[in-house]
C-alpha cells in the first residue's frame, strides 16, 4: 500500500490547525458577551453605521466558501490535498478578516 506524501500530511495538519484556531478565535470573541453583563450592555447600545451595504458581500462570500470547503473537506475526510490547501487559505483569510474586524470594533465595545 502506498503511504501518503509529505505534502498531503502537511496540508491535512495545516487545514485542521487553522480551522480549530478559527473556532477558538470565534469562541474567544463571543464569550465576553455572555460572561460580562457590562460588555453585553455596551453591545446593546453600540451602533455602527455603514454607508455602503455592499461592503458585506465579500465577507459573506468568504464565510460561505469557508462553510462549503469545510463540508467538502469533511466529506472527503481530508484525503484531497487540493481541498485541504484551499480550506487552509480560506480559513487564514477569514482569521485575518475577523482579527481586523475585532481591532476596529474593540475600542467601541471596551471603552
PDB file of N, CA and C in Angstrom:
ATOM      1  N   UNK A   1       0.835  -1.172   0.000  1.00  0.00           N
ATOM      2  CA  UNK A   1       0.000   0.000   0.000  1.00  0.00           C
ATOM      3  C   UNK A   1       0.883   1.239   0.000  1.00  0.00           C
ATOM      4  N   UNK A   2       0.447   2.238  -0.709  1.00  0.00           N
ATOM      5  CA  UNK A   2       1.206   3.464  -0.868  1.00  0.00           C
ATOM      6  C   UNK A   2       0.988   4.388   0.331  1.00  0.00           C
ATOM      7  N   UNK A   3       2.076   4.907   0.892  1.00  0.00           N
ATOM      8  CA  UNK A   3       1.943   5.826   2.018  1.00  0.00           C
ATOM      9  C   UNK A   3       1.655   7.238   1.490  1.00  0.00           C
ATOM     10  N   UNK A   4       0.927   8.040   2.268  1.00  0.00           N
ATOM     11  CA  UNK A   4       0.608   9.396   1.806  1.00  0.00           C
ATOM     12  C   UNK A   4       1.866  10.253   1.710  1.00  0.00           C
ATOM     13  N   UNK A   5       1.840  11.190   0.773  1.00  0.00           N
ATOM     14  CA  UNK A   5       3.003  12.044   0.571  1.00  0.00           C
ATOM     15  C   UNK A   5       3.140  13.031   1.725  1.00  0.00           C
ATOM     16  N   UNK A   6       4.319  13.612   1.812  1.00  0.00           N
ATOM     17  CA  UNK A   6       4.562  14.584   2.874  1.00  0.00           C
ATOM     18  C   UNK A   6       3.694  15.820   2.680  1.00  0.00           C
ATOM     19  N   UNK A   7       3.436  16.193   1.425  1.00  0.00           N
ATOM     20  CA  UNK A   7       2.578  17.345   1.136  1.00  0.00           C
ATOM     21  C   UNK A   7       1.156  17.095   1.634  1.00  0.00           C
ATOM     22  N   UNK A   8       0.686  15.871   1.462  1.00  0.00           N
ATOM     23  CA  UNK A   8      -0.668  15.536   1.934  1.00  0.00           C
ATOM     24  C   UNK A   8      -0.741  15.617   3.454  1.00  0.00           C
ATOM     25  N   UNK A   9       0.247  15.091   4.127  1.00  0.00           N
ATOM     26  CA  UNK A   9       0.269  15.115   5.585  1.00  0.00           C
ATOM     27  C   UNK A   9       0.332  16.556   6.094  1.00  0.00           C
ATOM     28  N   UNK A  10       1.146  17.383   5.439  1.00  0.00           N
ATOM     29  CA  UNK A  10       1.270  18.780   5.831  1.00  0.00           C
ATOM     30  C   UNK A  10      -0.034  19.528   5.599  1.00  0.00           C
ATOM     31  N   UNK A  11      -0.651  19.331   4.449  1.00  0.00           N
ATOM     32  CA  UNK A  11      -1.894  20.039   4.145  1.00  0.00           C
ATOM     33  C   UNK A  11      -3.011  19.625   5.098  1.00  0.00           C
ATOM     34  N   UNK A  12      -3.048  18.368   5.458  1.00  0.00           N
ATOM     35  CA  UNK A  12      -4.052  17.874   6.394  1.00  0.00           C
ATOM     36  C   UNK A  12      -3.854  18.508   7.767  1.00  0.00           C
ATOM     37  N   UNK A  13      -2.615  18.571   8.235  1.00  0.00           N
ATOM     38  CA  UNK A  13      -2.304  19.156   9.532  1.00  0.00           C
ATOM     39  C   UNK A  13      -2.622  20.653   9.560  1.00  0.00           C
ATOM     40  N   UNK A  14      -2.199  21.364   8.525  1.00  0.00           N
ATOM     41  CA  UNK A  14      -2.407  22.816   8.463  1.00  0.00           C
ATOM     42  C   UNK A  14      -3.893  23.146   8.402  1.00  0.00           C
ATOM     43  N   UNK A  15      -4.657  22.425   7.597  1.00  0.00           N
ATOM     44  CA  UNK A  15      -6.085  22.734   7.475  1.00  0.00           C
ATOM     45  C   UNK A  15      -6.819  22.476   8.794  1.00  0.00           C
ATOM     46  N   UNK A  16      -6.505  21.379   9.461  1.00  0.00           N
ATOM     47  CA  UNK A  16      -7.141  21.102  10.751  1.00  0.00           C
ATOM     48  C   UNK A  16      -6.734  22.143  11.789  1.00  0.00           C
ATOM     49  N   UNK A  17      -5.472  22.535  11.793  1.00  0.00           N
ATOM     50  CA  UNK A  17      -4.975  23.521  12.748  1.00  0.00           C
ATOM     51  C   UNK A  17      -5.665  24.867  12.556  1.00  0.00           C
ATOM     52  N   UNK A  18      -5.766  25.327  11.311  1.00  0.00           N
ATOM     53  CA  UNK A  18      -6.370  26.629  11.051  1.00  0.00           C
ATOM     54  C   UNK A  18      -7.870  26.641  11.342  1.00  0.00           C
ATOM     55  N   UNK A  19      -8.560  25.573  11.039  1.00  0.00           N
ATOM     56  CA  UNK A  19      -9.997  25.511  11.345  1.00  0.00           C
ATOM     57  C   UNK A  19     -10.207  25.547  12.851  1.00  0.00           C
ATOM     58  N   UNK A  20      -9.413  24.815  13.590  1.00  0.00           N
ATOM     59  CA  UNK A  20      -9.536  24.837  15.052  1.00  0.00           C
ATOM     60  C   UNK A  20      -9.178  26.202  15.621  1.00  0.00           C
ATOM     61  N   UNK A  21      -8.152  26.835  15.059  1.00  0.00           N
ATOM     62  CA  UNK A  21      -7.772  28.176  15.500  1.00  0.00           C
ATOM     63  C   UNK A  21      -8.889  29.181  15.233  1.00  0.00           C
ATOM     64  N   UNK A  22      -9.532  29.064  14.081  1.00  0.00           N
ATOM     65  CA  UNK A  22     -10.649  29.956  13.746  1.00  0.00           C
ATOM     66  C   UNK A  22     -11.801  29.772  14.733  1.00  0.00           C
ATOM     67  N   UNK A  23     -12.118  28.552  15.071  1.00  0.00           N
ATOM     68  CA  UNK A  23     -13.205  28.286  16.019  1.00  0.00           C
ATOM     69  C   UNK A  23     -12.848  28.822  17.404  1.00  0.00           C
ATOM     70  N   UNK A  24     -11.596  28.676  17.809  1.00  0.00           N
ATOM     71  CA  UNK A  24     -11.165  29.205  19.106  1.00  0.00           C
ATOM     72  C   UNK A  24     -11.250  30.729  19.117  1.00  0.00           C
ATOM     73  N   UNK A  25     -10.855  31.377  18.030  1.00  0.00           N
ATOM     74  CA  UNK A  25     -10.928  32.840  17.945  1.00  0.00           C
ATOM     75  C   UNK A  25     -12.380  33.302  18.000  1.00  0.00           C
ATOM     76  N   UNK A  26     -13.271  32.626  17.298  1.00  0.00           N
ATOM     77  CA  UNK A  26     -14.686  32.997  17.361  1.00  0.00           C
ATOM     78  C   UNK A  26     -15.248  32.805  18.768  1.00  0.00           C
ATOM     79  N   UNK A  27     -14.884  31.725  19.409  1.00  0.00           N
ATOM     80  CA  UNK A  27     -15.368  31.483  20.772  1.00  0.00           C
ATOM     81  C   UNK A  27     -14.822  32.538  21.730  1.00  0.00           C
ATOM     82  N   UNK A  28     -13.555  32.901  21.562  1.00  0.00           N
ATOM     83  CA  UNK A  28     -12.954  33.916  22.431  1.00  0.00           C
ATOM     84  C   UNK A  28     -13.597  35.281  22.214  1.00  0.00           C
ATOM     85  N   UNK A  29     -14.095  35.533  21.025  1.00  0.00           N
ATOM     86  CA  UNK A  29     -14.750  36.813  20.763  1.00  0.00           C
ATOM     87  C   UNK A  29     -16.173  36.844  21.299  1.00  0.00           C
ATOM     88  N   UNK A  30     -16.820  35.702  21.370  1.00  0.00           N
ATOM     89  CA  UNK A  30     -18.218  35.657  21.791  1.00  0.00           C
ATOM     90  C   UNK A  30     -18.361  35.484  23.309  1.00  0.00           C
ATOM     91  N   UNK A  31     -17.429  34.821  23.954  1.00  0.00           N
ATOM     92  CA  UNK A  31     -17.528  34.530  25.389  1.00  0.00           C
ATOM     93  C   UNK A  31     -17.719  35.779  26.255  1.00  0.00           C
ATOM     94  N   UNK A  32     -16.996  36.887  26.036  1.00  0.00           N
ATOM     95  CA  UNK A  32     -17.198  38.053  26.913  1.00  0.00           C
ATOM     96  C   UNK A  32     -18.625  38.605  26.899  1.00  0.00           C
ATOM     97  N   UNK A  33     -19.333  38.428  25.811  1.00  0.00           N
ATOM     98  CA  UNK A  33     -20.712  38.919  25.741  1.00  0.00           C
ATOM     99  C   UNK A  33     -21.601  38.157  26.711  1.00  0.00           C
ATOM    100  N   UNK A  34     -21.366  36.868  26.860  1.00  0.00           N
ATOM    101  CA  UNK A  34     -22.185  36.052  27.746  1.00  0.00           C
ATOM    102  C   UNK A  34     -21.720  36.098  29.203  1.00  0.00           C
ATOM    103  N   UNK A  35     -20.442  36.331  29.427  1.00  0.00           N
ATOM    104  CA  UNK A  35     -19.891  36.296  30.772  1.00  0.00           C
ATOM    105  C   UNK A  35     -20.041  37.633  31.498  1.00  0.00           C
ATOM    106  N   UNK A  36     -19.710  38.725  30.823  1.00  0.00           N
ATOM    107  CA  UNK A  36     -19.693  40.040  31.454  1.00  0.00           C
ATOM    108  C   UNK A  36     -20.953  40.817  31.096  1.00  0.00           C
ATOM    109  N   UNK A  37     -21.755  41.167  32.092  1.00  0.00           N
ATOM    110  CA  UNK A  37     -23.000  41.901  31.845  1.00  0.00           C
ATOM    111  C   UNK A  37     -22.742  43.324  31.354  1.00  0.00           C
ATOM    112  N   UNK A  38     -21.639  43.911  31.808  1.00  0.00           N
ATOM    113  CA  UNK A  38     -21.313  45.273  31.383  1.00  0.00           C
ATOM    114  C   UNK A  38     -21.011  45.326  29.887  1.00  0.00           C
ATOM    115  N   UNK A  39     -20.279  44.344  29.395  1.00  0.00           N
ATOM    116  CA  UNK A  39     -19.964  44.290  27.963  1.00  0.00           C
ATOM    117  C   UNK A  39     -21.229  44.004  27.160  1.00  0.00           C
ATOM    118  N   UNK A  40     -22.085  43.141  27.660  1.00  0.00           N
ATOM    119  CA  UNK A  40     -23.344  42.853  26.969  1.00  0.00           C
ATOM    120  C   UNK A  40     -24.202  44.105  26.884  1.00  0.00           C
ATOM    121  N   UNK A  41     -24.215  44.913  27.940  1.00  0.00           N
ATOM    122  CA  UNK A  41     -24.983  46.159  27.922  1.00  0.00           C
ATOM    123  C   UNK A  41     -24.394  47.150  26.918  1.00  0.00           C
ATOM    124  N   UNK A  42     -23.062  47.195  26.840  1.00  0.00           N
ATOM    125  CA  UNK A  42     -22.419  48.080  25.861  1.00  0.00           C
ATOM    126  C   UNK A  42     -22.713  47.625  24.432  1.00  0.00           C
ATOM    127  N   UNK A  43     -22.784  46.312  24.232  1.00  0.00           N
ATOM    128  CA  UNK A  43     -23.068  45.788  22.892  1.00  0.00           C
ATOM    129  C   UNK A  43     -24.471  46.191  22.445  1.00  0.00           C
ATOM    130  N   UNK A  44     -25.412  46.270  23.387  1.00  0.00           N
ATOM    131  CA  UNK A  44     -26.775  46.652  23.036  1.00  0.00           C
ATOM    132  C   UNK A  44     -26.872  48.120  22.660  1.00  0.00           C
ATOM    133  N   UNK A  45     -26.006  48.952  23.207  1.00  0.00           N
ATOM    134  CA  UNK A  45     -26.073  50.387  22.930  1.00  0.00           C
ATOM    135  C   UNK A  45     -25.036  50.850  21.918  1.00  0.00           C
ATOM    136  N   UNK A  46     -24.230  49.952  21.395  1.00  0.00           N
ATOM    137  CA  UNK A  46     -23.218  50.310  20.405  1.00  0.00           C
ATOM    138  C   UNK A  46     -23.799  50.114  19.013  1.00  0.00           C
ATOM    139  N   UNK A  47     -23.748  51.157  18.221  1.00  0.00           N
ATOM    140  CA  UNK A  47     -24.254  51.103  16.858  1.00  0.00           C
ATOM    141  C   UNK A  47     -23.135  51.468  15.892  1.00  0.00           C
ATOM    142  N   UNK A  48     -23.047  50.738  14.825  1.00  0.00           N
ATOM    143  CA  UNK A  48     -22.068  51.016  13.792  1.00  0.00           C
ATOM    144  C   UNK A  48     -22.846  51.305  12.516  1.00  0.00           C
ATOM    145  N   UNK A  49     -22.636  52.476  11.967  1.00  0.00           N
ATOM    146  CA  UNK A  49     -23.326  52.857  10.743  1.00  0.00           C
ATOM    147  C   UNK A  49     -22.390  52.664   9.566  1.00  0.00           C
ATOM    148  N   UNK A  50     -22.829  51.882   8.599  1.00  0.00           N
ATOM    149  CA  UNK A  50     -22.045  51.625   7.401  1.00  0.00           C
ATOM    150  C   UNK A  50     -22.813  52.190   6.223  1.00  0.00           C
ATOM    151  N   UNK A  51     -22.192  53.115   5.515  1.00  0.00           N
ATOM    152  CA  UNK A  51     -22.869  53.805   4.420  1.00  0.00           C
ATOM    153  C   UNK A  51     -23.152  52.890   3.233  1.00  0.00           C
ATOM    154  N   UNK A  52     -22.192  52.063   2.890  1.00  0.00           N
ATOM    155  CA  UNK A  52     -22.329  51.219   1.715  1.00  0.00           C
ATOM    156  C   UNK A  52     -22.623  49.788   2.152  1.00  0.00           C
ATOM    157  N   UNK A  53     -23.820  49.310   1.864  1.00  0.00           N
ATOM    158  CA  UNK A  53     -24.226  47.955   2.285  1.00  0.00           C
ATOM    159  C   UNK A  53     -23.531  46.856   1.476  1.00  0.00           C
ATOM    160  N   UNK A  54     -22.929  47.200   0.355  1.00  0.00           N
ATOM    161  CA  UNK A  54     -22.226  46.211  -0.453  1.00  0.00           C
ATOM    162  C   UNK A  54     -20.925  45.754   0.201  1.00  0.00           C
ATOM    163  N   UNK A  55     -20.540  46.413   1.263  1.00  0.00           N
ATOM    164  CA  UNK A  55     -19.332  46.029   1.985  1.00  0.00           C
ATOM    165  C   UNK A  55     -19.480  44.624   2.561  1.00  0.00           C
ATOM    166  N   UNK A  56     -20.693  44.210   2.841  1.00  0.00           N
ATOM    167  CA  UNK A  56     -20.934  42.909   3.466  1.00  0.00           C
ATOM    168  C   UNK A  56     -20.883  41.741   2.483  1.00  0.00           C
ATOM    169  N   UNK A  57     -20.878  41.997   1.188  1.00  0.00           N
ATOM    170  CA  UNK A  57     -20.942  40.907   0.219  1.00  0.00           C
ATOM    171  C   UNK A  57     -19.651  40.073   0.215  1.00  0.00           C
ATOM    172  N   UNK A  58     -18.498  40.712   0.344  1.00  0.00           N
ATOM    173  CA  UNK A  58     -17.243  39.966   0.289  1.00  0.00           C
ATOM    174  C   UNK A  58     -16.995  39.125   1.541  1.00  0.00           C
ATOM    175  N   UNK A  59     -17.256  39.629   2.752  1.00  0.00           N
ATOM    176  CA  UNK A  59     -17.147  38.735   3.910  1.00  0.00           C
ATOM    177  C   UNK A  59     -18.161  37.586   3.858  1.00  0.00           C
ATOM    178  N   UNK A  60     -19.345  37.859   3.311  1.00  0.00           N
ATOM    179  CA  UNK A  60     -20.346  36.809   3.171  1.00  0.00           C
ATOM    180  C   UNK A  60     -19.866  35.723   2.213  1.00  0.00           C
ATOM    181  N   UNK A  61     -19.299  36.126   1.092  1.00  0.00           N
ATOM    182  CA  UNK A  61     -18.754  35.152   0.134  1.00  0.00           C
ATOM    183  C   UNK A  61     -17.621  34.358   0.778  1.00  0.00           C
ATOM    184  N   UNK A  62     -16.762  35.034   1.532  1.00  0.00           N
ATOM    185  CA  UNK A  62     -15.646  34.368   2.203  1.00  0.00           C
ATOM    186  C   UNK A  62     -16.150  33.348   3.218  1.00  0.00           C
ATOM    187  N   UNK A  63     -17.157  33.718   3.997  1.00  0.00           N
ATOM    188  CA  UNK A  63     -17.686  32.793   5.002  1.00  0.00           C
ATOM    189  C   UNK A  63     -18.437  31.629   4.359  1.00  0.00           C
ATOM    190  N   UNK A  64     -19.213  31.890   3.317  1.00  0.00           N
ATOM    191  CA  UNK A  64     -19.926  30.807   2.633  1.00  0.00           C
ATOM    192  C   UNK A  64     -18.957  29.842   1.948  1.00  0.00           C
ATOM    193  N   UNK A  65     -17.880  30.379   1.384  1.00  0.00           N
ATOM    194  CA  UNK A  65     -16.888  29.488   0.784  1.00  0.00           C
ATOM    195  C   UNK A  65     -16.166  28.678   1.862  1.00  0.00           C
ATOM    196  N   UNK A  66     -15.973  29.262   3.052  1.00  0.00           N
ATOM    197  CA  UNK A  66     -15.390  28.511   4.166  1.00  0.00           C
ATOM    198  C   UNK A  66     -16.294  27.340   4.549  1.00  0.00           C
ATOM    199  N   UNK A  67     -17.589  27.614   4.680  1.00  0.00           N
ATOM    200  CA  UNK A  67     -18.513  26.532   5.034  1.00  0.00           C
ATOM    201  C   UNK A  67     -18.551  25.449   3.961  1.00  0.00           C
ATOM    202  N   UNK A  68     -18.565  25.862   2.698  1.00  0.00           N
ATOM    203  CA  UNK A  68     -18.583  24.898   1.594  1.00  0.00           C
ATOM    204  C   UNK A  68     -17.329  24.035   1.601  1.00  0.00           C
ATOM    205  N   UNK A  69     -16.169  24.681   1.730  1.00  0.00           N
ATOM    206  CA  UNK A  69     -14.918  23.920   1.747  1.00  0.00           C
ATOM    207  C   UNK A  69     -14.818  23.035   2.991  1.00  0.00           C
ATOM    208  N   UNK A  70     -15.333  23.512   4.110  1.00  0.00           N
ATOM    209  CA  UNK A  70     -15.308  22.704   5.330  1.00  0.00           C
ATOM    210  C   UNK A  70     -16.154  21.443   5.162  1.00  0.00           C
ATOM    211  N   UNK A  71     -17.315  21.584   4.542  1.00  0.00           N
ATOM    212  CA  UNK A  71     -18.180  20.420   4.304  1.00  0.00           C
ATOM    213  C   UNK A  71     -17.547  19.462   3.303  1.00  0.00           C
ATOM    214  N   UNK A  72     -17.012  20.009   2.211  1.00  0.00           N
ATOM    215  CA  UNK A  72     -16.387  19.146   1.196  1.00  0.00           C
ATOM    216  C   UNK A  72     -15.160  18.425   1.748  1.00  0.00           C
ATOM    217  N   UNK A  73     -14.364  19.133   2.514  1.00  0.00           N
ATOM    218  CA  UNK A  73     -13.166  18.516   3.089  1.00  0.00           C
ATOM    219  C   UNK A  73     -13.545  17.480   4.142  1.00  0.00           C
ATOM    220  N   UNK A  74     -14.580  17.771   4.904  1.00  0.00           N
ATOM    221  CA  UNK A  74     -15.031  16.798   5.906  1.00  0.00           C
ATOM    222  C   UNK A  74     -15.579  15.537   5.272  1.00  0.00           C
ATOM    223  N   UNK A  75     -16.303  15.705   4.174  1.00  0.00           N
ATOM    224  CA  UNK A  75     -16.822  14.517   3.475  1.00  0.00           C
ATOM    225  C   UNK A  75     -15.704  13.669   2.892  1.00  0.00           C
ATOM    226  N   UNK A  76     -14.654  14.342   2.392  1.00  0.00           N
ATOM    227  CA  UNK A  76     -13.522  13.618   1.812  1.00  0.00           C
ATOM    228  C   UNK A  76     -12.547  13.152   2.890  1.00  0.00           C
ATOM    229  N   UNK A  77     -12.828  13.480   4.148  1.00  0.00           N
ATOM    230  CA  UNK A  77     -12.012  13.084   5.301  1.00  0.00           C
ATOM    231  C   UNK A  77     -10.555  13.519   5.151  1.00  0.00           C
ATOM    232  N   UNK A  78     -10.367  14.724   4.642  1.00  0.00           N
ATOM    233  CA  UNK A  78      -9.047  15.343   4.465  1.00  0.00           C
ATOM    234  C   UNK A  78      -8.127  14.515   3.577  1.00  0.00           C
ATOM    235  N   UNK A  79      -8.674  13.774   2.637  1.00  0.00           N
ATOM    236  CA  UNK A  79      -7.861  12.947   1.753  1.00  0.00           C
ATOM    237  C   UNK A  79      -7.446  13.679   0.481  1.00  0.00           C
ATOM    238  N   UNK A  80      -8.119  14.772   0.151  1.00  0.00           N
ATOM    239  CA  UNK A  80      -7.795  15.522  -1.068  1.00  0.00           C
ATOM    240  C   UNK A  80      -6.924  16.717  -0.704  1.00  0.00           C
ATOM    241  N   UNK A  81      -5.707  16.677  -1.199  1.00  0.00           N
ATOM    242  CA  UNK A  81      -4.724  17.694  -0.850  1.00  0.00           C
ATOM    243  C   UNK A  81      -5.153  19.081  -1.316  1.00  0.00           C
ATOM    244  N   UNK A  82      -5.722  19.179  -2.509  1.00  0.00           N
ATOM    245  CA  UNK A  82      -6.138  20.483  -3.030  1.00  0.00           C
ATOM    246  C   UNK A  82      -7.224  21.112  -2.165  1.00  0.00           C
ATOM    247  N   UNK A  83      -8.182  20.328  -1.740  1.00  0.00           N
ATOM    248  CA  UNK A  83      -9.226  20.848  -0.859  1.00  0.00           C
ATOM    249  C   UNK A  83      -8.645  21.294   0.483  1.00  0.00           C
ATOM    250  N   UNK A  84      -7.680  20.554   0.973  1.00  0.00           N
ATOM    251  CA  UNK A  84      -7.044  20.932   2.237  1.00  0.00           C
ATOM    252  C   UNK A  84      -6.364  22.293   2.120  1.00  0.00           C
ATOM    253  N   UNK A  85      -5.625  22.502   1.026  1.00  0.00           N
ATOM    254  CA  UNK A  85      -4.929  23.776   0.854  1.00  0.00           C
ATOM    255  C   UNK A  85      -5.916  24.919   0.608  1.00  0.00           C
ATOM    256  N   UNK A  86      -6.978  24.667  -0.140  1.00  0.00           N
ATOM    257  CA  UNK A  86      -7.974  25.727  -0.355  1.00  0.00           C
ATOM    258  C   UNK A  86      -8.662  26.093   0.957  1.00  0.00           C
ATOM    259  N   UNK A  87      -8.989  25.091   1.770  1.00  0.00           N
ATOM    260  CA  UNK A  87      -9.590  25.353   3.078  1.00  0.00           C
ATOM    261  C   UNK A  87      -8.615  26.116   3.974  1.00  0.00           C
ATOM    262  N   UNK A  88      -7.348  25.760   3.918  1.00  0.00           N
ATOM    263  CA  UNK A  88      -6.341  26.449   4.727  1.00  0.00           C
ATOM    264  C   UNK A  88      -6.232  27.916   4.335  1.00  0.00           C
ATOM    265  N   UNK A  89      -6.167  28.193   3.049  1.00  0.00           N
ATOM    266  CA  UNK A  89      -6.063  29.576   2.584  1.00  0.00           C
ATOM    267  C   UNK A  89      -7.313  30.372   2.943  1.00  0.00           C
ATOM    268  N   UNK A  90      -8.457  29.770   2.717  1.00  0.00           N
ATOM    269  CA  UNK A  90      -9.719  30.443   3.033  1.00  0.00           C
ATOM    270  C   UNK A  90      -9.829  30.726   4.524  1.00  0.00           C
ATOM    271  N   UNK A  91      -9.462  29.771   5.351  1.00  0.00           N
ATOM    272  CA  UNK A  91      -9.537  29.958   6.799  1.00  0.00           C
ATOM    273  C   UNK A  91      -8.542  31.009   7.264  1.00  0.00           C
ATOM    274  N   UNK A  92      -7.368  31.039   6.673  1.00  0.00           N
ATOM    275  CA  UNK A  92      -6.379  32.059   7.029  1.00  0.00           C
ATOM    276  C   UNK A  92      -6.895  33.452   6.693  1.00  0.00           C
ATOM    277  N   UNK A  93      -7.494  33.618   5.533  1.00  0.00           N
ATOM    278  CA  UNK A  93      -8.077  34.914   5.164  1.00  0.00           C
ATOM    279  C   UNK A  93      -9.224  35.287   6.094  1.00  0.00           C
ATOM    280  N   UNK A  94     -10.010  34.318   6.481  1.00  0.00           N
ATOM    281  CA  UNK A  94     -11.120  34.570   7.398  1.00  0.00           C
ATOM    282  C   UNK A  94     -10.611  34.956   8.787  1.00  0.00           C
ATOM    283  N   UNK A  95      -9.555  34.324   9.244  1.00  0.00           N
ATOM    284  CA  UNK A  95      -8.955  34.680  10.531  1.00  0.00           C
ATOM    285  C   UNK A  95      -8.426  36.111  10.489  1.00  0.00           C
ATOM    286  N   UNK A  96      -7.753  36.468   9.417  1.00  0.00           N
ATOM    287  CA  UNK A  96      -7.239  37.833   9.269  1.00  0.00           C
ATOM    288  C   UNK A  96      -8.385  38.827   9.255  1.00  0.00           C
ATOM    289  N   UNK A  97      -9.455  38.508   8.552  1.00  0.00           N
ATOM    290  CA  UNK A  97     -10.611  39.406   8.498  1.00  0.00           C
ATOM    291  C   UNK A  97     -11.243  39.583   9.879  1.00  0.00           C
ATOM    292  N   UNK A  98     -11.412  38.504  10.621  1.00  0.00           N
ATOM    293  CA  UNK A  98     -12.034  38.576  11.950  1.00  0.00           C
ATOM    294  C   UNK A  98     -11.149  39.373  12.906  1.00  0.00           C
ATOM    295  N   UNK A  99      -9.842  39.191  12.829  1.00  0.00           N
ATOM    296  CA  UNK A  99      -8.933  39.957  13.687  1.00  0.00           C
ATOM    297  C   UNK A  99      -8.992  41.442  13.344  1.00  0.00           C
ATOM    298  N   UNK A 100      -9.017  41.771  12.054  1.00  0.00           N
ATOM    299  CA  UNK A 100      -9.119  43.185  11.659  1.00  0.00           C
ATOM    300  C   UNK A 100     -10.452  43.782  12.101  1.00  0.00           C
ATOM    301  N   UNK A 101     -11.513  43.027  12.010  1.00  0.00           N
ATOM    302  CA  UNK A 101     -12.821  43.497  12.454  1.00  0.00           C
ATOM    303  C   UNK A 101     -12.828  43.721  13.965  1.00  0.00           C
ATOM    304  N   UNK A 102     -12.226  42.809  14.714  1.00  0.00           N
ATOM    305  CA  UNK A 102     -12.167  42.963  16.164  1.00  0.00           C
ATOM    306  C   UNK A 102     -11.338  44.190  16.558  1.00  0.00           C
ATOM    307  N   UNK A 103     -10.220  44.406  15.875  1.00  0.00           N
ATOM    308  CA  UNK A 103      -9.386  45.578  16.168  1.00  0.00           C
ATOM    309  C   UNK A 103     -10.160  46.859  15.906  1.00  0.00           C
ATOM    310  N   UNK A 104     -10.992  46.843  14.895  1.00  0.00           N
ATOM    311  CA  UNK A 104     -11.784  48.025  14.558  1.00  0.00           C
ATOM    312  C   UNK A 104     -12.933  48.259  15.548  1.00  0.00           C
ATOM    313  N   UNK A 105     -13.555  47.184  16.031  1.00  0.00           N
ATOM    314  CA  UNK A 105     -14.713  47.324  16.914  1.00  0.00           C
ATOM    315  C   UNK A 105     -14.358  47.325  18.404  1.00  0.00           C
ATOM    316  N   UNK A 106     -13.195  46.852  18.775  1.00  0.00           N
ATOM    317  CA  UNK A 106     -12.817  46.773  20.181  1.00  0.00           C
ATOM    318  C   UNK A 106     -12.846  48.118  20.893  1.00  0.00           C
ATOM    319  N   UNK A 107     -12.363  49.206  20.291  1.00  0.00           N
ATOM    320  CA  UNK A 107     -12.444  50.490  21.011  1.00  0.00           C
ATOM    321  C   UNK A 107     -13.876  50.941  21.267  1.00  0.00           C
ATOM    322  N   UNK A 108     -14.811  50.552  20.422  1.00  0.00           N
ATOM    323  CA  UNK A 108     -16.216  50.926  20.634  1.00  0.00           C
ATOM    324  C   UNK A 108     -16.831  50.128  21.776  1.00  0.00           C
ATOM    325  N   UNK A 109     -16.445  48.885  21.912  1.00  0.00           N
ATOM    326  CA  UNK A 109     -17.060  47.998  22.893  1.00  0.00           C
ATOM    327  C   UNK A 109     -16.378  48.104  24.259  1.00  0.00           C
ATOM    328  N   UNK A 110     -15.045  48.135  24.260  1.00  0.00           N
ATOM    329  CA  UNK A 110     -14.300  48.099  25.518  1.00  0.00           C
ATOM    330  C   UNK A 110     -13.814  49.476  25.959  1.00  0.00           C
ATOM    331  N   UNK A 111     -14.578  50.514  25.701  1.00  0.00           N
ATOM    332  CA  UNK A 111     -14.139  51.863  26.108  1.00  0.00           C
ATOM    333  C   UNK A 111     -14.462  52.169  27.540  1.00  0.00           C
TER     334      UNK A 111
END
